[in-house]
Amino acid sequence: MTSYFDATAVRGRKRMQNEKQKRESQTDGRRSRLQMRCPLAIVVGSCLILAPGAAYSGDVRQLTQTGRVKFAPVFVRDGQEIAWCEHDQPNRVSIVRLDLQTGKTTTMFPDDSSHRFDPAFSSDGRYFCFGRSGGSRQLSLVIVDLKANTKAVFEPPGGLRATIRTPRFIPRGDRVLFTINGTGGQQIASVDLKAQDYRKVTESSGINGWPDVSRNGKQIVFSSSRGGTLDLYLMKIDGSGVRRLTDHRLRDVRPAFSPDGSRIAFTSARDGNDEIYLITGDGSGLTRLTKHAERDDYPVWHPDGRQVAWIAERNGRFDLYLMPVEE
């Protein structure tokens, strides 16, 4: 089941255990001062949660406290909820939803033993999709019509190991975009809402993945190794007009458009470990948002365009955080 997409989710734990005692002693003297400055923040680890001089303004909120491995967060219901994947049982990955007003969490499909990866919701709230294990493929795409109470399943070509990851609904359209692992390498493709009419969007060598679609439904930002390393690229919704946005020897992955399409948040290891960065829609204006010895990953924009949620590893624990970002 493990692929490049989530193989690094639990790395570094032994190293962090060896450093934990030293870090905690350094933190204790700083904790009260930081809480006085940011009374709404739940502080963990070192003060360097956010990078000095970053496009950040205000308090950081810790949204979860389970510490379990998490990935692929998405906002739901215009930002009233957030959903993500979590290793909630030793042999199961589930989709969990959090109501940001009440603090109530709900595990979707709690009685099902299948893994469920990478949830996505259509902008009108009618459709919901995810990758599911347990069928004739490693991960199949399931598209649920919540209004009609029906579901459609796309079994990717390529045999048992074929996998669907990171599905995204195309706004103002009737298709679902996703990454597909199988024959022909790792590509970006799409199907319609009935899980039919399969079309490839990329056909280049190497890895093509982590697509995100602009809110106007006209552009796709994605990560690709076609140039040798994993960098960010932009293309039209049909796959034409590909343009490179970043060029670095270390990986840039998991890009996310801001609601107005003017900025892109992403994860990069360019400064030594996974941190959250911003660039503008043309690839300029690189800004670092986080700075910590442990992993910061999976950025996602709040629908208001003024906040970014992400998953942070602190003391070997993985939880969701929310930070304001300057406009």
Foldseek 3Di string as FASTA:
>chain_A
DDDPVCPCQQPPQVVLVVCVVVQVVVAVVCVVVVCVVAVQDDDFTHPQFWDPPFLFDHHKHFLDDPLFRWAQKDADDLNQKIWTWTPPDVQEIWIKMAGPVPRDIDTPPVVDRWHWHHWEAAPVRQKIWTWIDDDFARTWIWIAGNVVRDIAIADDPATHDKTWHNWYDQAPDFKIWTWIDHPQGIFIWIAGNNNDDIGTLDRADFHWHQWEAANVRFKIWTWGCNVPETFIWMATNSNPDIDTQDDAPWHWGNWEAQNNRQKIWTWTCRPPATFIWMATNNNDDIGTTGDDPWHWHHWYYRNVRFKIKTWTQGSSGIGIMMTGGHD
